[in-house]
N, C-alpha and C. Protein backbone atom coordinates (compact mmCIF):
# COMPACT_ATOMS: atom_id res chain seq x y z
N MET A 1 -54.04 69.86 78.80
CA MET A 1 -54.62 70.42 77.44
C MET A 1 -53.55 71.50 77.03
N LEU A 2 -52.81 71.62 75.99
CA LEU A 2 -52.06 72.46 75.75
C LEU A 2 -52.99 73.75 75.48
N ALA A 3 -53.98 73.48 74.38
CA ALA A 3 -54.66 74.68 73.89
C ALA A 3 -55.31 75.47 75.20
N HIS A 4 -55.54 74.74 75.89
CA HIS A 4 -56.07 75.56 77.61
C HIS A 4 -55.00 76.40 78.17
N GLU A 5 -53.94 75.72 78.02
CA GLU A 5 -52.71 76.40 78.69
C GLU A 5 -52.27 77.74 77.97
N MET A 6 -52.57 77.50 76.42
CA MET A 6 -52.22 78.51 75.55
C MET A 6 -53.02 79.96 75.71
N ALA A 7 -54.37 79.27 75.96
CA ALA A 7 -55.41 80.35 76.04
C ALA A 7 -55.39 81.18 77.32
N PHE A 8 -54.98 80.24 78.49
CA PHE A 8 -54.82 81.03 79.84
C PHE A 8 -53.28 81.88 79.73
N ALA A 9 -52.52 81.84 78.91
CA ALA A 9 -51.52 82.66 78.82
C ALA A 9 -51.65 83.77 77.85
N SER A 10 -52.65 83.70 76.76
CA SER A 10 -52.76 84.80 75.82
C SER A 10 -54.19 85.24 75.68
N SER A 11 -54.61 86.52 76.24
CA SER A 11 -55.77 87.04 76.00
C SER A 11 -56.16 86.91 74.09
N TYR A 12 -55.40 86.46 73.52
CA TYR A 12 -55.49 86.45 72.01
C TYR A 12 -56.06 84.78 71.56
N ILE A 13 -55.89 83.91 72.48
CA ILE A 13 -56.42 82.52 72.37
C ILE A 13 -57.47 82.47 73.22
N THR A 14 -58.45 81.38 72.69
CA THR A 14 -59.81 81.07 73.27
C THR A 14 -59.82 79.72 72.91
N ALA A 15 -59.81 78.87 74.08
CA ALA A 15 -60.14 77.17 73.80
C ALA A 15 -61.44 76.80 74.59
N PHE A 16 -61.87 75.83 74.06
CA PHE A 16 -62.85 75.27 74.33
C PHE A 16 -62.70 73.95 74.57
N ALA A 17 -63.33 72.96 75.48
CA ALA A 17 -63.18 71.30 75.57
C ALA A 17 -64.63 71.28 75.23
N VAL A 18 -64.93 69.89 74.25
CA VAL A 18 -66.21 69.61 74.21
C VAL A 18 -65.96 67.94 74.10
N GLU A 19 -66.92 67.45 75.14
CA GLU A 19 -67.05 65.87 75.20
C GLU A 19 -67.70 65.48 73.81
N ALA A 20 -67.07 64.87 72.99
CA ALA A 20 -67.85 64.10 71.84
C ALA A 20 -68.76 63.54 71.82
N THR A 21 -68.97 62.54 72.94
CA THR A 21 -70.26 61.67 72.95
C THR A 21 -71.38 62.59 73.20
N GLU A 22 -71.18 63.38 73.99
CA GLU A 22 -72.41 64.28 74.40
C GLU A 22 -73.13 65.33 73.43
N PHE A 23 -71.91 65.80 72.35
CA PHE A 23 -72.44 66.78 71.49
C PHE A 23 -72.22 65.89 69.96
N PRO A 24 -73.08 65.06 69.48
CA PRO A 24 -72.43 64.05 68.34
C PRO A 24 -72.60 64.89 67.12
N ASP A 25 -73.55 65.96 67.01
CA ASP A 25 -73.59 66.95 66.10
C ASP A 25 -72.35 67.79 65.68
N LEU A 26 -71.53 67.85 66.79
CA LEU A 26 -70.23 68.92 66.75
C LEU A 26 -69.24 67.60 66.35
N ALA A 27 -69.09 66.62 66.87
CA ALA A 27 -68.15 65.71 66.48
C ALA A 27 -68.59 65.13 64.85
N ARG A 28 -69.60 65.39 64.65
CA ARG A 28 -69.83 64.61 63.02
C ARG A 28 -69.44 66.07 62.17
N ARG A 29 -69.66 67.30 62.80
CA ARG A 29 -68.90 68.39 61.90
C ARG A 29 -67.73 68.52 61.97
N TYR A 30 -66.92 67.88 62.97
CA TYR A 30 -65.86 68.08 62.90
C TYR A 30 -64.82 66.98 62.37
N ARG A 31 -65.49 65.83 62.28
CA ARG A 31 -65.06 64.74 61.63
C ARG A 31 -64.15 64.13 62.72
N VAL A 32 -64.74 64.09 64.17
CA VAL A 32 -63.93 63.60 65.28
C VAL A 32 -63.87 61.95 65.12
N SER A 33 -62.53 61.23 64.77
CA SER A 33 -62.51 59.93 65.21
C SER A 33 -61.59 59.47 66.09
N ALA A 34 -60.88 60.54 66.70
CA ALA A 34 -60.07 59.99 67.58
C ALA A 34 -59.81 61.43 68.79
N VAL A 35 -59.37 61.04 69.63
CA VAL A 35 -59.45 62.45 70.48
C VAL A 35 -57.99 61.90 71.30
N PRO A 36 -57.34 63.28 71.67
CA PRO A 36 -57.88 64.40 71.37
C PRO A 36 -57.69 65.11 69.94
N LYS A 37 -58.79 66.09 69.70
CA LYS A 37 -58.78 66.27 68.54
C LYS A 37 -58.47 67.91 68.57
N THR A 38 -57.78 68.75 68.33
CA THR A 38 -57.54 70.19 68.61
C THR A 38 -57.96 70.94 66.82
N ILE A 39 -58.98 72.02 66.79
CA ILE A 39 -59.33 72.41 65.69
C ILE A 39 -59.15 73.94 66.23
N VAL A 40 -58.25 74.48 65.10
CA VAL A 40 -57.94 75.82 65.12
C VAL A 40 -58.35 76.60 63.90
N ASN A 41 -59.27 77.63 64.14
CA ASN A 41 -59.90 78.33 63.49
C ASN A 41 -60.84 77.71 62.04
N ASP A 42 -61.40 76.44 62.45
CA ASP A 42 -62.34 75.68 61.59
C ASP A 42 -61.31 75.39 60.41
N ASP A 43 -60.06 75.53 60.49
CA ASP A 43 -59.18 75.10 59.20
C ASP A 43 -58.00 74.24 59.53
N ILE A 44 -57.26 74.13 60.71
CA ILE A 44 -56.22 73.59 61.22
C ILE A 44 -56.70 72.29 61.95
N GLU A 45 -56.28 71.32 61.85
CA GLU A 45 -56.32 70.13 62.92
C GLU A 45 -55.46 69.54 63.23
N VAL A 46 -55.47 69.18 64.81
CA VAL A 46 -54.12 68.58 65.06
C VAL A 46 -54.69 67.33 65.92
N LEU A 47 -54.21 66.28 65.28
CA LEU A 47 -54.96 64.94 66.09
C LEU A 47 -53.93 64.27 66.88
N GLY A 48 -54.31 63.76 68.13
CA GLY A 48 -53.66 63.31 69.34
C GLY A 48 -52.81 63.93 70.37
N ALA A 49 -52.40 63.44 70.93
CA ALA A 49 -51.59 63.99 72.29
C ALA A 49 -50.01 64.12 71.66
N LEU A 50 -49.76 65.55 71.52
CA LEU A 50 -48.40 65.98 70.91
C LEU A 50 -47.52 66.49 71.77
N PRO A 51 -46.08 66.33 71.78
CA PRO A 51 -45.21 67.43 73.00
C PRO A 51 -45.63 68.75 72.34
N GLU A 52 -45.17 69.56 73.44
CA GLU A 52 -45.64 71.07 73.27
C GLU A 52 -45.11 71.51 71.77
N PRO A 53 -43.40 71.52 71.52
CA PRO A 53 -43.06 72.06 70.46
C PRO A 53 -43.89 71.49 69.14
N ALA A 54 -44.33 70.16 69.14
CA ALA A 54 -44.86 69.74 67.94
C ALA A 54 -46.41 70.43 67.81
N PHE A 55 -46.96 70.64 68.90
CA PHE A 55 -48.59 70.94 68.88
C PHE A 55 -48.49 72.54 68.46
N VAL A 56 -47.56 73.37 68.96
CA VAL A 56 -47.69 74.73 68.72
C VAL A 56 -47.30 74.58 67.26
N ASP A 57 -46.17 74.18 66.73
CA ASP A 57 -46.00 74.17 65.24
C ASP A 57 -47.37 73.76 64.49
N GLN A 58 -47.89 72.73 64.48
CA GLN A 58 -49.00 72.43 63.92
C GLN A 58 -50.35 73.33 64.37
N ALA A 59 -50.59 73.69 65.22
CA ALA A 59 -51.37 74.92 65.55
C ALA A 59 -51.39 76.26 64.79
N LEU A 60 -49.90 76.28 64.41
CA LEU A 60 -49.42 77.60 63.65
C LEU A 60 -49.57 77.74 61.94
N GLY A 61 -49.84 75.95 61.85
CA GLY A 61 -50.01 75.90 60.51
C GLY A 61 -48.67 75.04 59.91
N ALA A 62 -48.03 74.82 60.64
CA ALA A 62 -46.69 74.18 59.90
C ALA A 62 -47.02 72.47 59.65
N PRO A 63 -46.63 71.99 58.55
CA PRO A 63 -47.44 70.64 58.32
C PRO A 63 -46.62 69.63 59.26
N PRO A 64 -47.11 68.77 59.96
CA PRO A 64 -46.51 67.64 60.77
C PRO A 64 -45.31 66.79 60.07
N GLU A 65 -44.37 66.92 61.00
CA GLU A 65 -43.16 66.27 60.62
C GLU A 65 -43.29 64.78 60.37
N THR A 66 -42.55 64.17 59.23
CA THR A 66 -42.88 62.82 58.82
C THR A 66 -41.60 62.36 58.99
N PRO A 67 -41.51 61.24 59.86
CA PRO A 67 -40.24 60.59 60.00
C PRO A 67 -39.62 60.01 58.95
N HIS A 68 -38.15 60.52 58.98
CA HIS A 68 -37.43 59.85 57.64
C HIS A 68 -37.31 58.15 57.60
N PRO A 69 -37.44 57.64 56.28
CA PRO A 69 -37.73 56.39 55.88
C PRO A 69 -36.43 55.25 56.84
N ASP A 70 -35.23 56.02 57.23
CA ASP A 70 -34.13 55.03 57.69
C ASP A 70 -34.43 55.23 59.13
N GLU A 71 -35.34 55.87 59.88
CA GLU A 71 -35.55 56.13 61.25
C GLU A 71 -36.64 55.03 61.73
């Protein structure tokens, strides 16, 4: 889990893992429909397992890359 690795590397970052089936109220609150789902500051959502550079970009607020139509 990259969020936990980031939290381990920096005292400015805190990460929590929650089992969605054990905490259905939280799962509903954050509209968890697939896992992993990472929420940053109740504002940014990162869905799925991503390569580290893409995860960091999205966690920092960069929009996800969309593939070019010719690819």
